[in-house]
Amino acid sequence: MPVHVRFTPQLRRFLEAPPAEVEGATPREALEQVFDQNPRLRAYLLDEQGVLRKHVALFVGGELARGADALDRPLEPGQDLDVMQALSGG
């Protein structure tokens, strides 16, 4: 069963990022398949070391994934992976 990758409308304003159903045991593996279809998206979401950029929030199964292992935590088949542009400021 594939993982469901979704991007928020705010992110889609800047780049083409349609929802995708891909295989992957981790968010990194799932996103790599999305990047194969849309290479520009990689540079927007990940820095040069392959880490999520500060302005990107990742939710795995509705739970915010934080920390250095956010991209490498296990995914369950059929789980949702939501990617959004994080908001900051006050």
N, C-alpha and C. Protein backbone atom coordinates (compact mmCIF):
# COMPACT_ATOMS: atom_id res chain seq x y z
N MET A 1 0.84 -1.17 0.00
CA MET A 1 0.00 0.00 0.00
C MET A 1 0.90 1.24 0.00
N PRO A 2 0.62 2.17 -0.89
CA PRO A 2 1.50 3.35 -1.00
C PRO A 2 1.29 4.36 0.14
N VAL A 3 2.26 5.23 0.27
CA VAL A 3 2.21 6.36 1.18
C VAL A 3 1.61 7.52 0.40
N HIS A 4 0.77 8.32 1.06
CA HIS A 4 0.11 9.47 0.42
C HIS A 4 0.89 10.73 0.78
N VAL A 5 1.50 11.36 -0.22
CA VAL A 5 2.27 12.58 0.00
C VAL A 5 1.43 13.76 -0.50
N ARG A 6 1.24 14.73 0.41
CA ARG A 6 0.43 15.90 0.06
C ARG A 6 1.20 17.17 0.41
N PHE A 7 0.98 18.18 -0.41
CA PHE A 7 1.62 19.47 -0.23
C PHE A 7 0.54 20.53 -0.04
N THR A 8 0.76 21.46 0.89
CA THR A 8 -0.25 22.47 1.17
C THR A 8 -0.36 23.47 0.02
N PRO A 9 -1.51 24.14 -0.07
CA PRO A 9 -1.68 25.14 -1.14
C PRO A 9 -0.63 26.25 -1.09
N GLN A 10 -0.19 26.64 0.10
CA GLN A 10 0.83 27.68 0.19
C GLN A 10 2.10 27.27 -0.53
N LEU A 11 2.50 26.03 -0.37
CA LEU A 11 3.71 25.53 -1.04
C LEU A 11 3.48 25.41 -2.54
N ARG A 12 2.28 24.98 -2.92
CA ARG A 12 1.98 24.81 -4.34
C ARG A 12 1.90 26.14 -5.09
N ARG A 13 1.80 27.25 -4.36
CA ARG A 13 1.81 28.56 -5.02
C ARG A 13 3.15 28.83 -5.67
N PHE A 14 4.21 28.26 -5.11
CA PHE A 14 5.57 28.54 -5.59
C PHE A 14 6.09 27.48 -6.55
N LEU A 15 5.67 26.24 -6.34
CA LEU A 15 6.16 25.13 -7.18
C LEU A 15 5.03 24.17 -7.48
N GLU A 16 5.13 23.52 -8.61
CA GLU A 16 4.18 22.46 -8.91
C GLU A 16 4.44 21.30 -7.94
N ALA A 17 3.43 20.96 -7.18
CA ALA A 17 3.60 19.90 -6.17
C ALA A 17 2.27 19.18 -5.97
N PRO A 18 1.84 18.43 -6.98
CA PRO A 18 0.58 17.71 -6.83
C PRO A 18 0.71 16.57 -5.82
N PRO A 19 -0.41 16.12 -5.26
CA PRO A 19 -0.36 14.96 -4.36
C PRO A 19 0.21 13.76 -5.12
N ALA A 20 0.83 12.87 -4.37
CA ALA A 20 1.44 11.68 -4.99
C ALA A 20 1.23 10.47 -4.09
N GLU A 21 1.15 9.33 -4.70
CA GLU A 21 1.13 8.06 -3.97
C GLU A 21 2.40 7.32 -4.38
N VAL A 22 3.27 7.10 -3.41
CA VAL A 22 4.57 6.50 -3.68
C VAL A 22 4.86 5.42 -2.65
N GLU A 23 5.87 4.63 -2.92
CA GLU A 23 6.33 3.63 -1.97
C GLU A 23 7.48 4.24 -1.18
N GLY A 24 7.61 3.85 0.06
CA GLY A 24 8.73 4.33 0.85
C GLY A 24 8.59 3.91 2.29
N ALA A 25 9.69 3.47 2.88
CA ALA A 25 9.69 3.04 4.28
C ALA A 25 9.95 4.21 5.22
N THR A 26 10.41 5.35 4.66
CA THR A 26 10.68 6.55 5.45
C THR A 26 10.22 7.76 4.64
N PRO A 27 10.03 8.91 5.30
CA PRO A 27 9.70 10.12 4.53
C PRO A 27 10.77 10.44 3.48
N ARG A 28 12.03 10.21 3.80
CA ARG A 28 13.10 10.49 2.83
C ARG A 28 12.91 9.64 1.56
N GLU A 29 12.64 8.35 1.74
CA GLU A 29 12.44 7.47 0.58
C GLU A 29 11.22 7.90 -0.24
N ALA A 30 10.15 8.26 0.45
CA ALA A 30 8.94 8.68 -0.25
C ALA A 30 9.20 9.98 -1.01
N LEU A 31 9.85 10.94 -0.37
CA LEU A 31 10.13 12.21 -1.03
C LEU A 31 11.10 12.05 -2.20
N GLU A 32 12.04 11.12 -2.10
CA GLU A 32 12.97 10.89 -3.22
C GLU A 32 12.20 10.52 -4.48
N GLN A 33 11.13 9.76 -4.33
CA GLN A 33 10.32 9.39 -5.50
C GLN A 33 9.59 10.61 -6.05
N VAL A 34 9.13 11.48 -5.17
CA VAL A 34 8.50 12.72 -5.62
C VAL A 34 9.53 13.59 -6.34
N PHE A 35 10.74 13.68 -5.79
CA PHE A 35 11.80 14.50 -6.40
C PHE A 35 12.19 13.97 -7.78
N ASP A 36 12.09 12.66 -7.98
CA ASP A 36 12.38 12.10 -9.31
C ASP A 36 11.45 12.71 -10.36
N GLN A 37 10.20 12.99 -9.96
CA GLN A 37 9.22 13.57 -10.87
C GLN A 37 9.32 15.09 -10.93
N ASN A 38 9.84 15.70 -9.85
CA ASN A 38 9.89 17.15 -9.76
C ASN A 38 11.19 17.57 -9.06
N PRO A 39 12.31 17.58 -9.76
CA PRO A 39 13.61 17.88 -9.15
C PRO A 39 13.70 19.25 -8.49
N ARG A 40 12.98 20.26 -8.98
CA ARG A 40 13.03 21.60 -8.38
C ARG A 40 12.51 21.59 -6.95
N LEU A 41 11.63 20.68 -6.65
CA LEU A 41 11.05 20.60 -5.31
C LEU A 41 12.10 20.24 -4.27
N ARG A 42 13.09 19.43 -4.64
CA ARG A 42 14.15 19.02 -3.71
C ARG A 42 14.86 20.23 -3.09
N ALA A 43 15.30 21.15 -3.92
CA ALA A 43 16.05 22.31 -3.43
C ALA A 43 15.18 23.22 -2.57
N TYR A 44 13.89 23.20 -2.78
CA TYR A 44 13.00 24.04 -1.98
C TYR A 44 12.77 23.43 -0.60
N LEU A 45 12.75 22.09 -0.52
CA LEU A 45 12.45 21.42 0.75
C LEU A 45 13.69 21.05 1.55
N LEU A 46 14.79 20.68 0.87
CA LEU A 46 15.98 20.20 1.55
C LEU A 46 17.17 21.13 1.31
N ASP A 47 18.04 21.23 2.30
CA ASP A 47 19.26 22.02 2.10
C ASP A 47 20.33 21.16 1.43
N GLU A 48 21.54 21.68 1.32
CA GLU A 48 22.63 20.99 0.62
C GLU A 48 23.06 19.71 1.33
N GLN A 49 22.76 19.58 2.62
CA GLN A 49 23.10 18.36 3.38
C GLN A 49 21.95 17.36 3.41
N GLY A 50 20.86 17.67 2.71
CA GLY A 50 19.72 16.75 2.68
C GLY A 50 18.83 16.84 3.91
N VAL A 51 18.90 17.96 4.63
CA VAL A 51 18.10 18.18 5.83
C VAL A 51 16.94 19.10 5.47
N LEU A 52 15.77 18.89 6.11
CA LEU A 52 14.64 19.78 5.87
C LEU A 52 15.04 21.22 6.16
N ARG A 53 14.65 22.11 5.29
CA ARG A 53 14.92 23.53 5.50
C ARG A 53 14.06 24.04 6.66
N LYS A 54 14.50 25.16 7.26
CA LYS A 54 13.80 25.74 8.42
C LYS A 54 12.35 26.09 8.12
N HIS A 55 12.06 26.47 6.89
CA HIS A 55 10.72 26.91 6.54
C HIS A 55 9.79 25.78 6.10
N VAL A 56 10.20 24.53 6.31
CA VAL A 56 9.40 23.38 5.90
C VAL A 56 9.00 22.57 7.13
N ALA A 57 7.72 22.24 7.22
CA ALA A 57 7.22 21.38 8.29
C ALA A 57 6.72 20.09 7.67
N LEU A 58 7.01 18.99 8.33
CA LEU A 58 6.67 17.66 7.84
C LEU A 58 5.78 16.98 8.88
N PHE A 59 4.63 16.48 8.44
CA PHE A 59 3.72 15.75 9.31
C PHE A 59 3.61 14.32 8.82
N VAL A 60 3.83 13.38 9.73
CA VAL A 60 3.74 11.95 9.42
C VAL A 60 2.53 11.42 10.18
N GLY A 61 1.52 10.98 9.43
CA GLY A 61 0.32 10.48 10.07
C GLY A 61 -0.34 11.53 10.96
N GLY A 62 -0.24 12.80 10.56
CA GLY A 62 -0.85 13.88 11.31
C GLY A 62 -0.01 14.41 12.46
N GLU A 63 1.15 13.83 12.70
CA GLU A 63 2.02 14.24 13.81
C GLU A 63 3.24 14.97 13.26
N LEU A 64 3.54 16.13 13.84
CA LEU A 64 4.70 16.90 13.40
C LEU A 64 5.97 16.10 13.62
N ALA A 65 6.76 15.93 12.57
CA ALA A 65 8.05 15.22 12.65
C ALA A 65 9.13 16.27 12.86
N ARG A 66 9.81 16.19 13.98
CA ARG A 66 10.85 17.17 14.32
C ARG A 66 12.19 16.47 14.50
N GLY A 67 13.23 17.27 14.49
CA GLY A 67 14.55 16.77 14.80
C GLY A 67 15.29 16.25 13.59
N ALA A 68 16.52 15.84 13.86
CA ALA A 68 17.42 15.39 12.80
C ALA A 68 16.92 14.13 12.11
N ASP A 69 16.10 13.33 12.80
CA ASP A 69 15.63 12.07 12.21
C ASP A 69 14.25 12.20 11.56
N ALA A 70 13.74 13.40 11.38
CA ALA A 70 12.39 13.59 10.83
C ALA A 70 12.21 12.88 9.50
N LEU A 71 13.22 12.92 8.66
CA LEU A 71 13.12 12.29 7.34
C LEU A 71 13.36 10.79 7.38
N ASP A 72 13.88 10.29 8.48
CA ASP A 72 14.26 8.88 8.53
C ASP A 72 13.40 8.04 9.48
N ARG A 73 12.34 8.63 10.02
CA ARG A 73 11.46 7.85 10.89
C ARG A 73 10.63 6.89 10.04
N PRO A 74 10.21 5.77 10.60
CA PRO A 74 9.46 4.78 9.82
C PRO A 74 8.09 5.29 9.37
N LEU A 75 7.72 4.89 8.16
CA LEU A 75 6.38 5.14 7.63
C LEU A 75 5.64 3.82 7.57
N GLU A 76 4.36 3.87 7.83
CA GLU A 76 3.52 2.69 7.70
C GLU A 76 2.82 2.74 6.35
N PRO A 77 2.56 1.60 5.73
CA PRO A 77 1.84 1.60 4.46
C PRO A 77 0.50 2.32 4.59
N GLY A 78 0.19 3.15 3.62
CA GLY A 78 -1.06 3.88 3.60
C GLY A 78 -1.04 5.16 4.44
N GLN A 79 0.06 5.42 5.10
CA GLN A 79 0.15 6.59 5.97
C GLN A 79 0.23 7.87 5.14
N ASP A 80 -0.25 8.98 5.72
CA ASP A 80 -0.18 10.28 5.07
C ASP A 80 1.12 10.97 5.45
N LEU A 81 1.72 11.62 4.47
CA LEU A 81 2.91 12.44 4.66
C LEU A 81 2.56 13.81 4.11
N ASP A 82 2.41 14.78 5.01
CA ASP A 82 2.02 16.13 4.62
C ASP A 82 3.22 17.07 4.75
N VAL A 83 3.44 17.84 3.70
CA VAL A 83 4.56 18.77 3.65
C VAL A 83 3.99 20.18 3.52
N MET A 84 4.44 21.06 4.41
CA MET A 84 3.93 22.44 4.34
C MET A 84 5.03 23.44 4.56
N GLN A 85 4.77 24.62 4.11
CA GLN A 85 5.68 25.73 4.37
C GLN A 85 5.39 26.22 5.77
N ALA A 86 6.39 26.19 6.63
CA ALA A 86 6.22 26.63 8.01
C ALA A 86 6.10 28.14 8.07
N LEU A 87 5.26 28.62 8.94
CA LEU A 87 5.10 30.05 9.14
C LEU A 87 5.88 30.49 10.35
N SER A 88 6.46 31.66 10.28
CA SER A 88 7.20 32.18 11.41
C SER A 88 6.91 33.67 11.55
N GLY A 89 7.35 34.22 12.60
CA GLY A 89 7.15 35.64 12.82
C GLY A 89 6.24 35.87 14.01
N GLY A 90 5.85 37.10 14.22
CA GLY A 90 5.02 37.37 15.37
C GLY A 90 4.04 38.47 15.14
